[in-house]
Amino acid sequence: MSENIQTTTKSALANLLRPLVKLLIKRGFSYSSFAEVARRLFVDVAAEEFKIPGKKQSLSRISVLTGINRKDIAKILDRPNPSESDNQKGTNRPSRIIQGWLRDDDFVNDSGSPKPLHFEGAENSFSELVRRYGGDVTPRAVFDELIRVNVVNLNPQQRIVLCSSAYIPQADLEEKFRIMGRATNDLFNTLDHNLENDPHTTRLQRTVAYSNIPVKALSQVRLRSKEEGEQFLLQINQWLSQQDKDINPESKGSGKARAGIGIYYFEHIVEQEADA
């Protein structure tokens, strides 16, 4: 790597790590713990992603790739892998229930939007939705949780209406961190792919931003971004779910892949509002 590329890479690394470091310090996560995770990742990525075809990956080669000595690599590989403990966690039940509401033909209308649901009694009720996608959790417990986090509400006809296509548990910090890890992993994989490929094979990666927006306009920008972004994701979900064999067994083709589209909103205060 040339000196210029090395310098640019360090600058980009500092930019992408800064918000993560801020979050870690805020949560009491020490540098030594961060360094431990980083060292394990250097070893794992070198072992899994940089193999020579037909050869077993040796500790010596991992050492050459990472700069970590062989004895330390052996010790690192003997310790529990932090990423494996998180991968064993499945999608939480409220999320599965919402996804079922968004893609199951019994719970969407002709335009593909989620239907307002009776709590129970009627055909394709909220209780039936929970039984179908929530396992042994009770419909009342799910309803109370979704009400609490403003994902659903009751319309004038006392039917349950889905207000948001995403469930982010406000009190479950552990689940929030899992969501963060999955989302940033997906984004960084796309960034890496686009750095290595020509424009004809790059993946969608676009940003729209302006740097002189009045602070008082941000509430409107946030609201419109949220409304139109969620509507777009609902439309994509209707189509993309039909490509998934778990949902649509008639989907043609072999192999197995995970694919999707992520949307995020950002803002930074460059200059505070002047006092009136």
C-alpha atoms as a PDB file:
ATOM      1  CA  MET A   1       0.000   0.000   0.000  1.00  0.00           C
ATOM      2  CA  SER A   2       1.439   3.375  -1.035  1.00  0.00           C
ATOM      3  CA  GLU A   3       2.046   6.096   1.546  1.00  0.00           C
ATOM      4  CA  ASN A   4      -0.774   8.243   0.112  1.00  0.00           C
ATOM      5  CA  ILE A   5      -3.272   5.374   0.237  1.00  0.00           C
ATOM      6  CA  GLN A   6      -2.096   4.521   3.753  1.00  0.00           C
ATOM      7  CA  THR A   7      -2.709   8.110   4.874  1.00  0.00           C
ATOM      8  CA  THR A   8      -6.137   8.241   3.213  1.00  0.00           C
ATOM      9  CA  THR A   9      -7.078   4.888   4.737  1.00  0.00           C
ATOM     10  CA  LYS A  10      -6.101   6.099   8.222  1.00  0.00           C
ATOM     11  CA  SER A  11      -8.210   9.228   7.756  1.00  0.00           C
ATOM     12  CA  ALA A  12     -11.233   7.220   6.569  1.00  0.00           C
ATOM     13  CA  LEU A  13     -10.758   4.749   9.448  1.00  0.00           C
ATOM     14  CA  ALA A  14     -10.692   7.603  11.972  1.00  0.00           C
ATOM     15  CA  ASN A  15     -13.912   9.031  10.506  1.00  0.00           C
ATOM     16  CA  LEU A  16     -15.803   5.749  10.608  1.00  0.00           C
ATOM     17  CA  LEU A  17     -14.531   4.776  14.080  1.00  0.00           C
ATOM     18  CA  ARG A  18     -15.186   8.128  15.764  1.00  0.00           C
ATOM     19  CA  PRO A  19     -18.955   7.638  16.322  1.00  0.00           C
ATOM     20  CA  LEU A  20     -18.327   4.027  17.366  1.00  0.00           C
ATOM     21  CA  VAL A  21     -15.683   5.081  19.904  1.00  0.00           C
ATOM     22  CA  LYS A  22     -18.055   7.748  21.242  1.00  0.00           C
ATOM     23  CA  LEU A  23     -20.760   5.096  21.677  1.00  0.00           C
ATOM     24  CA  LEU A  24     -18.364   2.656  23.366  1.00  0.00           C
ATOM     25  CA  ILE A  25     -17.038   5.225  25.840  1.00  0.00           C
ATOM     26  CA  LYS A  26     -20.598   6.278  26.637  1.00  0.00           C
ATOM     27  CA  ARG A  27     -21.421   2.633  27.467  1.00  0.00           C
ATOM     28  CA  GLY A  28     -18.279   2.010  29.519  1.00  0.00           C
ATOM     29  CA  PHE A  29     -16.616  -0.262  26.946  1.00  0.00           C
ATOM     30  CA  SER A  30     -12.847   0.069  27.449  1.00  0.00           C
ATOM     31  CA  TYR A  31     -10.089   0.369  24.862  1.00  0.00           C
ATOM     32  CA  SER A  32      -8.600  -2.953  25.994  1.00  0.00           C
ATOM     33  CA  SER A  33     -11.929  -4.709  25.308  1.00  0.00           C
ATOM     34  CA  PHE A  34     -12.140  -3.047  21.892  1.00  0.00           C
ATOM     35  CA  ALA A  35      -8.555  -4.066  21.087  1.00  0.00           C
ATOM     36  CA  GLU A  36      -9.332  -7.664  22.102  1.00  0.00           C
ATOM     37  CA  VAL A  37     -12.272  -7.801  19.672  1.00  0.00           C
ATOM     38  CA  ALA A  38     -10.223  -6.131  16.905  1.00  0.00           C
ATOM     39  CA  ARG A  39      -7.332  -8.591  17.276  1.00  0.00           C
ATOM     40  CA  ARG A  40      -9.743 -11.537  17.096  1.00  0.00           C
ATOM     41  CA  LEU A  41     -11.335 -10.094  13.950  1.00  0.00           C
ATOM     42  CA  PHE A  42      -7.956  -9.587  12.253  1.00  0.00           C
ATOM     43  CA  VAL A  43      -7.183 -13.253  12.910  1.00  0.00           C
ATOM     44  CA  ASP A  44     -10.620 -14.529  11.827  1.00  0.00           C
ATOM     45  CA  VAL A  45     -10.771 -12.469   8.631  1.00  0.00           C
ATOM     46  CA  ALA A  46      -7.231 -13.427   7.636  1.00  0.00           C
ATOM     47  CA  ALA A  47      -8.010 -17.101   8.307  1.00  0.00           C
ATOM     48  CA  GLU A  48     -11.338 -17.165   6.458  1.00  0.00           C
ATOM     49  CA  GLU A  49     -11.086 -14.588   3.675  1.00  0.00           C
ATOM     50  CA  PHE A  50      -7.466 -14.796   2.516  1.00  0.00           C
ATOM     51  CA  LYS A  51      -6.884 -18.498   1.988  1.00  0.00           C
ATOM     52  CA  ILE A  52      -4.648 -19.771  -0.791  1.00  0.00           C
ATOM     53  CA  PRO A  53      -6.751 -22.180  -2.915  1.00  0.00           C
ATOM     54  CA  GLY A  54      -5.908 -25.792  -2.169  1.00  0.00           C
ATOM     55  CA  LYS A  55      -3.910 -25.011   0.967  1.00  0.00           C
ATOM     56  CA  LYS A  56      -4.790 -25.033   4.655  1.00  0.00           C
ATOM     57  CA  GLN A  57      -4.437 -21.611   6.216  1.00  0.00           C
ATOM     58  CA  SER A  58      -1.435 -21.716   8.563  1.00  0.00           C
ATOM     59  CA  LEU A  59      -0.689 -19.649  11.641  1.00  0.00           C
ATOM     60  CA  SER A  60       2.418 -18.378   9.856  1.00  0.00           C
ATOM     61  CA  ARG A  61       0.390 -16.995   6.958  1.00  0.00           C
ATOM     62  CA  ILE A  62      -2.132 -15.396   9.335  1.00  0.00           C
ATOM     63  CA  SER A  63       0.809 -13.806  11.149  1.00  0.00           C
ATOM     64  CA  VAL A  64       2.206 -12.408   7.894  1.00  0.00           C
ATOM     65  CA  LEU A  65      -1.187 -10.960   6.933  1.00  0.00           C
ATOM     66  CA  THR A  66      -2.007  -9.411  10.318  1.00  0.00           C
ATOM     67  CA  GLY A  67       1.336  -8.620  11.979  1.00  0.00           C
ATOM     68  CA  ILE A  68       0.271 -10.634  15.059  1.00  0.00           C
ATOM     69  CA  ASN A  69       2.796 -13.245  16.195  1.00  0.00           C
ATOM     70  CA  ARG A  70       1.946 -16.943  15.922  1.00  0.00           C
ATOM     71  CA  LYS A  71       1.852 -17.634  19.673  1.00  0.00           C
ATOM     72  CA  ASP A  72      -0.679 -14.858  20.209  1.00  0.00           C
ATOM     73  CA  ILE A  73      -2.753 -16.110  17.262  1.00  0.00           C
ATOM     74  CA  ALA A  74      -2.923 -19.592  18.803  1.00  0.00           C
ATOM     75  CA  LYS A  75      -4.068 -18.101  22.120  1.00  0.00           C
ATOM     76  CA  ILE A  76      -6.665 -15.918  20.407  1.00  0.00           C
ATOM     77  CA  LEU A  77      -8.123 -18.911  18.534  1.00  0.00           C
ATOM     78  CA  ASP A  78      -8.452 -20.851  21.806  1.00  0.00           C
ATOM     79  CA  ARG A  79     -10.728 -18.174  23.304  1.00  0.00           C
ATOM     80  CA  PRO A  80     -14.501 -17.957  22.734  1.00  0.00           C
ATOM     81  CA  ASN A  81     -15.384 -16.079  19.564  1.00  0.00           C
ATOM     82  CA  PRO A  82     -17.546 -13.031  20.428  1.00  0.00           C
ATOM     83  CA  SER A  83     -19.215 -12.993  17.014  1.00  0.00           C
ATOM     84  CA  GLU A  84     -20.440 -16.585  17.352  1.00  0.00           C
ATOM     85  CA  SER A  85     -22.334 -15.904  20.576  1.00  0.00           C
ATOM     86  CA  ASP A  86     -24.253 -13.087  18.857  1.00  0.00           C
ATOM     87  CA  ASN A  87     -24.980 -15.090  15.697  1.00  0.00           C
ATOM     88  CA  GLN A  88     -26.775 -17.669  17.813  1.00  0.00           C
ATOM     89  CA  LYS A  89     -29.410 -15.072  18.649  1.00  0.00           C
ATOM     90  CA  GLY A  90     -32.382 -15.259  16.342  1.00  0.00           C
ATOM     91  CA  THR A  91     -34.672 -12.502  15.155  1.00  0.00           C
ATOM     92  CA  ASN A  92     -36.835 -11.407  18.086  1.00  0.00           C
ATOM     93  CA  ARG A  93     -40.498 -12.352  18.093  1.00  0.00           C
ATOM     94  CA  PRO A  94     -42.024  -8.885  17.604  1.00  0.00           C
ATOM     95  CA  SER A  95     -39.851  -8.435  14.506  1.00  0.00           C
ATOM     96  CA  ARG A  96     -40.969 -11.802  13.103  1.00  0.00           C
ATOM     97  CA  ILE A  97     -44.609 -10.898  13.747  1.00  0.00           C
ATOM     98  CA  ILE A  98     -44.258  -7.536  11.969  1.00  0.00           C
ATOM     99  CA  GLN A  99     -42.546  -9.170   9.003  1.00  0.00           C
ATOM    100  CA  GLY A 100     -45.393 -11.680   8.794  1.00  0.00           C
ATOM    101  CA  TRP A 101     -47.900  -8.820   8.859  1.00  0.00           C
ATOM    102  CA  LEU A 102     -46.063  -7.110   5.996  1.00  0.00           C
ATOM    103  CA  ARG A 103     -45.693 -10.090   3.676  1.00  0.00           C
ATOM    104  CA  ASP A 104     -48.343 -12.718   4.467  1.00  0.00           C
ATOM    105  CA  ASP A 105     -51.212 -12.475   1.951  1.00  0.00           C
ATOM    106  CA  ASP A 106     -53.704 -13.144   4.761  1.00  0.00           C
ATOM    107  CA  PHE A 107     -52.689  -9.913   6.493  1.00  0.00           C
ATOM    108  CA  VAL A 108     -52.174  -7.472   3.595  1.00  0.00           C
ATOM    109  CA  ASN A 109     -54.729  -5.841   1.297  1.00  0.00           C
ATOM    110  CA  ASP A 110     -54.798  -5.888  -2.499  1.00  0.00           C
ATOM    111  CA  SER A 111     -52.285  -3.032  -2.701  1.00  0.00           C
ATOM    112  CA  GLY A 112     -49.836  -4.906  -0.469  1.00  0.00           C
ATOM    113  CA  SER A 113     -50.316  -2.700   2.606  1.00  0.00           C
ATOM    114  CA  PRO A 114     -50.799  -4.281   6.060  1.00  0.00           C
ATOM    115  CA  LYS A 115     -54.480  -4.623   6.974  1.00  0.00           C
ATOM    116  CA  PRO A 116     -55.972  -3.166  10.180  1.00  0.00           C
ATOM    117  CA  LEU A 117     -56.678  -6.203  12.361  1.00  0.00           C
ATOM    118  CA  HIS A 118     -59.249  -7.141  14.972  1.00  0.00           C
ATOM    119  CA  PHE A 119     -57.530  -8.284  18.143  1.00  0.00           C
ATOM    120  CA  GLU A 120     -59.285 -11.664  18.027  1.00  0.00           C
ATOM    121  CA  GLY A 121     -62.432 -13.397  16.856  1.00  0.00           C
ATOM    122  CA  ALA A 122     -62.435 -12.321  13.214  1.00  0.00           C
ATOM    123  CA  GLU A 123     -60.669 -14.257  10.469  1.00  0.00           C
ATOM    124  CA  ASN A 124     -56.984 -13.309  10.171  1.00  0.00           C
ATOM    125  CA  SER A 125     -56.984 -11.432  13.462  1.00  0.00           C
ATOM    126  CA  PHE A 126     -54.008 -10.017  15.355  1.00  0.00           C
ATOM    127  CA  SER A 127     -54.137 -13.039  17.649  1.00  0.00           C
ATOM    128  CA  GLU A 128     -53.894 -15.360  14.639  1.00  0.00           C
ATOM    129  CA  LEU A 129     -50.924 -13.335  13.345  1.00  0.00           C
ATOM    130  CA  VAL A 130     -49.137 -13.756  16.678  1.00  0.00           C
ATOM    131  CA  ARG A 131     -49.902 -17.489  16.809  1.00  0.00           C
ATOM    132  CA  ARG A 132     -48.565 -17.908  13.279  1.00  0.00           C
ATOM    133  CA  TYR A 133     -45.300 -15.968  13.719  1.00  0.00           C
ATOM    134  CA  GLY A 134     -44.718 -15.522  17.452  1.00  0.00           C
ATOM    135  CA  GLY A 135     -44.508 -19.057  18.805  1.00  0.00           C
ATOM    136  CA  ASP A 136     -45.786 -19.447  22.354  1.00  0.00           C
ATOM    137  CA  VAL A 137     -45.876 -15.736  23.255  1.00  0.00           C
ATOM    138  CA  THR A 138     -49.332 -14.370  24.112  1.00  0.00           C
ATOM    139  CA  PRO A 139     -51.076 -11.908  21.742  1.00  0.00           C
ATOM    140  CA  ARG A 140     -51.767  -9.520  24.636  1.00  0.00           C
ATOM    141  CA  ALA A 141     -48.081  -9.353  25.591  1.00  0.00           C
ATOM    142  CA  VAL A 142     -47.084  -8.613  21.988  1.00  0.00           C
ATOM    143  CA  PHE A 143     -49.838  -5.999  21.603  1.00  0.00           C
ATOM    144  CA  ASP A 144     -48.816  -4.218  24.815  1.00  0.00           C
ATOM    145  CA  GLU A 145     -45.163  -4.126  23.721  1.00  0.00           C
ATOM    146  CA  LEU A 146     -45.944  -2.817  20.218  1.00  0.00           C
ATOM    147  CA  ILE A 147     -48.238  -0.158  21.687  1.00  0.00           C
ATOM    148  CA  ARG A 148     -45.511   0.849  24.128  1.00  0.00           C
ATOM    149  CA  VAL A 149     -42.954   1.474  21.380  1.00  0.00           C
ATOM    150  CA  ASN A 150     -45.517   3.157  19.063  1.00  0.00           C
ATOM    151  CA  VAL A 151     -45.338   0.496  16.362  1.00  0.00           C
ATOM    152  CA  VAL A 152     -49.121  -0.058  16.401  1.00  0.00           C
ATOM    153  CA  ASN A 153     -52.189   1.899  17.492  1.00  0.00           C
ATOM    154  CA  LEU A 154     -55.967   1.503  17.484  1.00  0.00           C
ATOM    155  CA  ASN A 155     -58.057   3.217  14.792  1.00  0.00           C
ATOM    156  CA  PRO A 156     -61.586   4.592  15.446  1.00  0.00           C
ATOM    157  CA  GLN A 157     -63.027   1.162  14.579  1.00  0.00           C
ATOM    158  CA  GLN A 158     -60.853  -0.363  17.343  1.00  0.00           C
ATOM    159  CA  ARG A 159     -58.740  -2.292  14.870  1.00  0.00           C
ATOM    160  CA  ILE A 160     -54.994  -2.605  15.318  1.00  0.00           C
ATOM    161  CA  VAL A 161     -53.042  -0.585  12.746  1.00  0.00           C
ATOM    162  CA  LEU A 162     -49.353  -1.041  11.939  1.00  0.00           C
ATOM    163  CA  CYS A 163     -47.664   2.383  12.150  1.00  0.00           C
ATOM    164  CA  SER A 164     -44.045   1.374  11.563  1.00  0.00           C
ATOM    165  CA  SER A 165     -42.397  -1.421   9.614  1.00  0.00           C
ATOM    166  CA  ALA A 166     -39.552  -1.704  12.124  1.00  0.00           C
ATOM    167  CA  TYR A 167     -39.507  -2.900  15.722  1.00  0.00           C
ATOM    168  CA  ILE A 168     -36.692  -1.369  17.767  1.00  0.00           C
ATOM    169  CA  PRO A 169     -37.190  -2.274  21.433  1.00  0.00           C
ATOM    170  CA  GLN A 170     -36.648   0.875  23.480  1.00  0.00           C
ATOM    171  CA  ALA A 171     -35.634  -0.909  26.674  1.00  0.00           C
ATOM    172  CA  ASP A 172     -33.681  -3.821  25.169  1.00  0.00           C
ATOM    173  CA  LEU A 173     -30.185  -2.364  24.756  1.00  0.00           C
ATOM    174  CA  GLU A 174     -28.779  -5.786  23.882  1.00  0.00           C
ATOM    175  CA  GLU A 175     -31.108  -6.095  20.889  1.00  0.00           C
ATOM    176  CA  LYS A 176     -30.309  -2.524  19.786  1.00  0.00           C
ATOM    177  CA  PHE A 177     -26.617  -3.394  19.666  1.00  0.00           C
ATOM    178  CA  ARG A 178     -27.360  -6.509  17.608  1.00  0.00           C
ATOM    179  CA  ILE A 179     -29.340  -4.380  15.141  1.00  0.00           C
ATOM    180  CA  MET A 180     -26.465  -1.900  14.963  1.00  0.00           C
ATOM    181  CA  GLY A 181     -23.960  -4.679  14.307  1.00  0.00           C
ATOM    182  CA  ARG A 182     -26.007  -6.210  11.489  1.00  0.00           C
ATOM    183  CA  ALA A 183     -26.724  -2.857   9.834  1.00  0.00           C
ATOM    184  CA  THR A 184     -23.133  -1.598   9.871  1.00  0.00           C
ATOM    185  CA  ASN A 185     -21.837  -4.989   8.738  1.00  0.00           C
ATOM    186  CA  ASP A 186     -24.126  -4.847   5.697  1.00  0.00           C
ATOM    187  CA  LEU A 187     -23.109  -1.260   4.892  1.00  0.00           C
ATOM    188  CA  PHE A 188     -19.369  -1.904   5.204  1.00  0.00           C
ATOM    189  CA  ASN A 189     -19.595  -5.020   3.040  1.00  0.00           C
ATOM    190  CA  THR A 190     -21.199  -2.899   0.311  1.00  0.00           C
ATOM    191  CA  LEU A 191     -18.515  -0.200   0.684  1.00  0.00           C
ATOM    192  CA  ASP A 192     -15.786  -2.847   0.420  1.00  0.00           C
ATOM    193  CA  HIS A 193     -17.427  -4.391  -2.660  1.00  0.00           C
ATOM    194  CA  ASN A 194     -17.664  -1.005  -4.377  1.00  0.00           C
ATOM    195  CA  LEU A 195     -14.021  -0.168  -3.683  1.00  0.00           C
ATOM    196  CA  GLU A 196     -12.934  -3.389  -5.377  1.00  0.00           C
ATOM    197  CA  ASN A 197     -15.261  -3.452  -8.419  1.00  0.00           C
ATOM    198  CA  ASP A 198     -15.853  -1.412 -11.557  1.00  0.00           C
ATOM    199  CA  PRO A 199     -18.944   0.842 -11.929  1.00  0.00           C
ATOM    200  CA  HIS A 200     -20.866  -1.825 -13.860  1.00  0.00           C
ATOM    201  CA  THR A 201     -20.842  -4.274 -10.945  1.00  0.00           C
ATOM    202  CA  THR A 202     -21.027  -1.946  -7.931  1.00  0.00           C
ATOM    203  CA  ARG A 203     -23.952  -2.158  -5.508  1.00  0.00           C
ATOM    204  CA  LEU A 204     -26.424   0.602  -4.740  1.00  0.00           C
ATOM    205  CA  GLN A 205     -24.776   3.185  -2.464  1.00  0.00           C
ATOM    206  CA  ARG A 206     -26.153   6.714  -2.679  1.00  0.00           C
ATOM    207  CA  THR A 207     -26.336   9.725  -0.375  1.00  0.00           C
ATOM    208  CA  VAL A 208     -28.293  12.962  -0.688  1.00  0.00           C
ATOM    209  CA  ALA A 209     -27.085  15.707   1.665  1.00  0.00           C
ATOM    210  CA  TYR A 210     -26.775  19.506   1.976  1.00  0.00           C
ATOM    211  CA  SER A 211     -24.698  21.401   4.531  1.00  0.00           C
ATOM    212  CA  ASN A 212     -26.490  24.740   4.987  1.00  0.00           C
ATOM    213  CA  ILE A 213     -29.971  23.701   6.149  1.00  0.00           C
ATOM    214  CA  PRO A 214     -31.574  25.899   8.851  1.00  0.00           C
ATOM    215  CA  VAL A 215     -31.853  24.030  12.154  1.00  0.00           C
ATOM    216  CA  LYS A 216     -35.555  24.835  12.391  1.00  0.00           C
ATOM    217  CA  ALA A 217     -36.148  22.935   9.125  1.00  0.00           C
ATOM    218  CA  LEU A 218     -34.727  19.674  10.501  1.00  0.00           C
ATOM    219  CA  SER A 219     -37.992  18.489  12.052  1.00  0.00           C
ATOM    220  CA  GLN A 220     -39.657  18.632   8.631  1.00  0.00           C
ATOM    221  CA  VAL A 221     -36.668  16.914   6.989  1.00  0.00           C
ATOM    222  CA  ARG A 222     -36.764  14.126   9.597  1.00  0.00           C
ATOM    223  CA  LEU A 223     -40.503  13.599   9.201  1.00  0.00           C
ATOM    224  CA  ARG A 224     -40.482  13.474   5.402  1.00  0.00           C
ATOM    225  CA  SER A 225     -37.414  11.218   5.352  1.00  0.00           C
ATOM    226  CA  LYS A 226     -39.091   8.809   7.762  1.00  0.00           C
ATOM    227  CA  GLU A 227     -42.454   8.723   5.969  1.00  0.00           C
ATOM    228  CA  GLU A 228     -41.096   8.336   2.435  1.00  0.00           C
ATOM    229  CA  GLY A 229     -38.269   6.016   3.476  1.00  0.00           C
ATOM    230  CA  GLU A 230     -40.647   3.615   5.252  1.00  0.00           C
ATOM    231  CA  GLN A 231     -43.049   3.678   2.302  1.00  0.00           C
ATOM    232  CA  PHE A 232     -40.217   2.777  -0.047  1.00  0.00           C
ATOM    233  CA  LEU A 233     -39.101  -0.092   2.193  1.00  0.00           C
ATOM    234  CA  LEU A 234     -42.663  -1.421   2.367  1.00  0.00           C
ATOM    235  CA  GLN A 235     -42.797  -1.531  -1.431  1.00  0.00           C
ATOM    236  CA  ILE A 236     -39.415  -3.255  -1.671  1.00  0.00           C
ATOM    237  CA  ASN A 237     -40.411  -5.732   1.043  1.00  0.00           C
ATOM    238  CA  GLN A 238     -43.500  -6.834  -0.885  1.00  0.00           C
ATOM    239  CA  TRP A 239     -41.388  -7.735  -3.918  1.00  0.00           C
ATOM    240  CA  LEU A 240     -38.240  -8.975  -2.205  1.00  0.00           C
ATOM    241  CA  SER A 241     -40.080 -11.313   0.173  1.00  0.00           C
ATOM    242  CA  GLN A 242     -41.432 -13.217  -2.812  1.00  0.00           C
ATOM    243  CA  GLN A 243     -37.866 -14.056  -3.878  1.00  0.00           C
ATOM    244  CA  ASP A 244     -37.215 -15.782  -0.536  1.00  0.00           C
ATOM    245  CA  LYS A 245     -37.779 -19.545  -0.583  1.00  0.00           C
ATOM    246  CA  ASP A 246     -38.809 -19.631   3.076  1.00  0.00           C
ATOM    247  CA  ILE A 247     -41.734 -17.381   2.206  1.00  0.00           C
ATOM    248  CA  ASN A 248     -42.300 -18.431  -1.388  1.00  0.00           C
ATOM    249  CA  PRO A 249     -41.184 -22.055  -1.936  1.00  0.00           C
ATOM    250  CA  GLU A 250     -41.939 -21.645  -5.659  1.00  0.00           C
ATOM    251  CA  SER A 251     -39.086 -19.134  -6.079  1.00  0.00           C
ATOM    252  CA  LYS A 252     -36.817 -20.581  -8.778  1.00  0.00           C
ATOM    253  CA  GLY A 253     -33.066 -21.203  -8.623  1.00  0.00           C
ATOM    254  CA  SER A 254     -30.452 -22.872  -6.438  1.00  0.00           C
ATOM    255  CA  GLY A 255     -27.966 -21.705  -3.830  1.00  0.00           C
ATOM    256  CA  LYS A 256     -28.702 -19.404  -0.905  1.00  0.00           C
ATOM    257  CA  ALA A 257     -27.995 -15.679  -0.470  1.00  0.00           C
ATOM    258  CA  ARG A 258     -28.988 -12.819   1.810  1.00  0.00           C
ATOM    259  CA  ALA A 259     -29.785  -9.506   0.113  1.00  0.00           C
ATOM    260  CA  GLY A 260     -31.632  -6.318   0.949  1.00  0.00           C
ATOM    261  CA  ILE A 261     -31.713  -2.532   1.001  1.00  0.00           C
ATOM    262  CA  GLY A 262     -31.002  -0.361   4.050  1.00  0.00           C
ATOM    263  CA  ILE A 263     -31.966   3.286   4.589  1.00  0.00           C
ATOM    264  CA  TYR A 264     -30.711   5.678   7.259  1.00  0.00           C
ATOM    265  CA  TYR A 265     -31.117   9.371   8.031  1.00  0.00           C
ATOM    266  CA  PHE A 266     -28.312  11.519   9.413  1.00  0.00           C
ATOM    267  CA  GLU A 267     -27.822  15.070  10.632  1.00  0.00           C
ATOM    268  CA  HIS A 268     -24.959  17.084  12.127  1.00  0.00           C
ATOM    269  CA  ILE A 269     -25.254  20.531  13.664  1.00  0.00           C
ATOM    270  CA  VAL A 270     -22.600  22.642  11.946  1.00  0.00           C
ATOM    271  CA  GLU A 271     -23.584  25.898  13.604  1.00  0.00           C
ATOM    272  CA  GLN A 272     -26.150  26.473  16.357  1.00  0.00           C
ATOM    273  CA  GLU A 273     -29.149  28.741  15.833  1.00  0.00           C
ATOM    274  CA  ALA A 274     -28.534  32.361  16.699  1.00  0.00           C
ATOM    275  CA  ASP A 275     -30.292  33.619  19.847  1.00  0.00           C
ATOM    276  CA  ALA A 276     -33.479  35.524  19.077  1.00  0.00           C
END
